[in-house]
Structures are given as C-alpha cells and as structure tokens.
N, C-alpha and C. Protein backbone atom coordinates (compact mmCIF):
# COMPACT_ATOMS: atom_id res chain seq x y z
N UNK A 1 47.90 143.58 37.86
CA UNK A 1 48.54 142.48 37.65
C UNK A 1 50.12 142.54 37.99
N UNK A 2 50.67 141.60 38.76
CA UNK A 2 52.09 141.69 38.95
C UNK A 2 52.59 140.54 37.97
N UNK A 3 54.02 140.96 37.97
CA UNK A 3 54.59 140.04 36.76
C UNK A 3 54.79 138.51 37.32
N UNK A 4 54.64 137.97 38.40
CA UNK A 4 54.29 136.63 38.78
C UNK A 4 53.14 136.21 38.76
N UNK A 5 52.10 136.89 38.96
CA UNK A 5 50.60 136.68 38.55
C UNK A 5 50.46 136.46 37.29
N UNK A 6 51.34 137.23 36.36
CA UNK A 6 50.84 137.13 34.99
C UNK A 6 51.65 136.01 34.11
N UNK A 7 52.63 135.77 34.85
CA UNK A 7 53.41 134.44 34.21
C UNK A 7 52.89 133.16 34.95
N UNK A 8 52.32 133.13 36.09
CA UNK A 8 51.47 132.15 36.57
C UNK A 8 50.26 131.85 35.70
N UNK A 9 49.65 132.85 35.30
CA UNK A 9 48.34 132.72 34.37
C UNK A 9 48.82 132.21 33.04
N UNK A 10 49.70 132.93 32.59
CA UNK A 10 50.32 132.48 31.22
C UNK A 10 50.64 131.02 31.02
N UNK A 11 51.22 130.54 32.38
CA UNK A 11 51.59 129.00 32.31
C UNK A 11 50.48 128.14 32.13
N UNK A 12 49.23 128.65 33.00
CA UNK A 12 48.45 127.70 33.21
C UNK A 12 47.24 127.72 32.11
N UNK A 13 47.50 128.82 31.28
CA UNK A 13 46.71 128.92 30.08
C UNK A 13 47.49 128.08 28.92
N UNK A 14 48.62 128.23 28.92
CA UNK A 14 49.41 127.35 27.73
C UNK A 14 49.15 125.96 28.26
N UNK A 15 49.38 125.70 29.45
CA UNK A 15 49.31 124.05 29.69
C UNK A 15 47.97 123.77 29.54
N UNK A 16 46.80 124.47 29.80
CA UNK A 16 45.25 123.90 29.45
C UNK A 16 45.51 123.90 27.85
N UNK A 17 45.89 124.90 27.05
CA UNK A 17 45.75 124.96 25.72
C UNK A 17 46.33 123.76 25.35
N UNK A 18 47.57 123.28 25.59
CA UNK A 18 48.26 122.22 25.13
C UNK A 18 47.37 120.88 25.51
N UNK A 19 46.95 120.88 26.47
CA UNK A 19 46.17 119.65 26.77
C UNK A 19 44.95 119.44 25.96
N UNK A 20 44.20 120.56 25.78
CA UNK A 20 42.94 120.58 24.95
C UNK A 20 43.37 120.33 23.42
N UNK A 21 44.59 120.83 23.17
CA UNK A 21 45.01 120.52 21.66
C UNK A 21 45.19 119.09 21.20
N UNK A 22 46.10 118.51 22.34
CA UNK A 22 46.45 117.10 22.30
C UNK A 22 45.23 116.26 22.40
N UNK A 23 44.14 116.69 23.11
CA UNK A 23 43.07 115.65 23.01
C UNK A 23 42.25 115.97 22.09
N UNK A 24 41.97 116.91 21.24
CA UNK A 24 41.51 117.20 20.12
C UNK A 24 42.12 116.47 18.78
N UNK A 25 43.39 116.29 19.00
CA UNK A 25 44.43 115.87 17.66
C UNK A 25 44.67 114.34 17.99
N UNK A 26 44.63 113.97 18.99
CA UNK A 26 44.85 112.45 19.23
C UNK A 26 43.93 111.30 18.90
N UNK A 27 44.23 110.18 18.67
CA UNK A 27 43.21 109.03 18.55
C UNK A 27 42.77 108.68 19.71
N UNK A 28 41.62 108.28 19.90
CA UNK A 28 41.19 107.75 21.26
C UNK A 28 41.93 106.45 21.58
N UNK A 29 42.15 106.15 22.76
CA UNK A 29 42.76 105.11 23.03
C UNK A 29 41.83 103.85 23.46
N UNK A 30 42.28 102.69 22.90
CA UNK A 30 41.45 101.40 22.89
C UNK A 30 42.03 100.66 24.00
N UNK A 31 41.45 100.64 25.21
CA UNK A 31 42.02 100.03 26.28
C UNK A 31 42.20 98.40 25.95
N UNK A 32 41.56 97.82 25.14
CA UNK A 32 41.19 96.71 24.98
C UNK A 32 42.58 96.22 24.09
N UNK A 33 43.29 97.09 23.17
CA UNK A 33 44.48 96.96 22.58
C UNK A 33 45.75 97.19 23.46
N UNK A 34 45.69 97.66 24.69
CA UNK A 34 46.94 98.09 25.43
C UNK A 34 47.45 96.75 26.00
N UNK A 35 48.76 96.63 26.28
CA UNK A 35 49.35 95.62 26.80
C UNK A 35 48.95 95.57 28.59
N UNK A 36 49.01 94.52 28.90
CA UNK A 36 48.53 94.54 30.56
C UNK A 36 49.79 95.15 31.23
N UNK A 37 49.56 95.79 32.23
CA UNK A 37 50.59 96.46 32.97
C UNK A 37 51.22 95.60 33.93
N UNK A 38 50.38 94.74 34.37
CA UNK A 38 51.12 93.57 35.35
C UNK A 38 50.46 92.36 34.97
N UNK A 39 51.22 91.53 34.71
CA UNK A 39 51.05 90.01 34.13
C UNK A 39 51.54 89.04 34.98
N UNK A 40 51.61 89.23 36.44
CA UNK A 40 51.94 88.30 37.36
C UNK A 40 51.04 87.02 37.42
N UNK A 41 51.16 85.92 37.05
CA UNK A 41 50.57 84.72 37.15
C UNK A 41 49.59 84.55 36.09
N UNK A 42 49.75 85.25 35.00
CA UNK A 42 48.63 85.20 34.08
C UNK A 42 49.07 84.24 32.88
N UNK A 43 50.52 83.92 32.88
CA UNK A 43 51.02 83.39 31.82
C UNK A 43 51.29 84.05 30.47
N UNK A 44 50.96 85.27 30.64
CA UNK A 44 51.26 86.08 29.56
C UNK A 44 52.65 86.91 29.95
N UNK A 45 53.28 87.12 28.66
CA UNK A 45 54.50 87.86 28.59
C UNK A 45 54.42 89.28 28.47
N UNK A 46 55.16 90.21 29.33
CA UNK A 46 55.21 91.35 29.42
C UNK A 46 55.46 91.93 27.96
N UNK A 47 54.53 92.86 27.26
CA UNK A 47 55.00 93.50 25.92
C UNK A 47 55.14 95.07 26.20
N UNK A 48 54.97 95.52 27.14
CA UNK A 48 54.82 97.20 27.17
C UNK A 48 56.23 97.57 26.76
N UNK A 49 56.04 99.03 27.11
CA UNK A 49 57.30 99.91 26.85
C UNK A 49 58.25 99.96 27.91
N UNK A 50 59.07 98.87 28.38
CA UNK A 50 59.83 99.09 29.47
C UNK A 50 61.37 99.54 28.84
N UNK A 51 61.96 100.52 29.30
CA UNK A 51 63.04 100.99 28.85
C UNK A 51 64.17 100.39 29.46
N UNK A 52 63.99 100.00 30.51
CA UNK A 52 65.32 99.43 31.17
C UNK A 52 65.56 98.06 30.86
N UNK A 53 64.43 97.46 30.04
CA UNK A 53 64.69 96.04 29.33
C UNK A 53 65.89 95.96 28.45
N UNK A 54 66.70 95.19 28.36
CA UNK A 54 67.82 95.08 27.33
C UNK A 54 67.27 94.55 25.90
N UNK A 55 67.75 95.20 24.93
CA UNK A 55 67.35 94.68 23.52
C UNK A 55 68.10 93.74 22.93
C-alpha cells in the first residue's frame, strides 16, 4: 500500500466510524417536533435556526 492509499483508507475508516458512533449515541429525530422548513402561506412563523436573523 502506498502512503496516499493508506491515508485515503484511514480517512474513510475514521469517517464511517464517526458516523456509526454518532448514530449509536444520538437520540432519534422526531420529525413531528421539528419546525417547518418552509412556511410560505401556512400562517405559521418560522422558528428554525436561522443564523442570519437578528436577535
């Protein structure tokens, strides 16, 4: 194995390992409690995490 191939394999192994760890330790997402992404015309105010909105 060359150094580039080894680094590439290590990167993907770490990435897949991190995703597996995160999936195992995170609470499941309840889609019914998530704020709507687009509320155009629904009468609801957007309450999502919009970083550009002034506080």
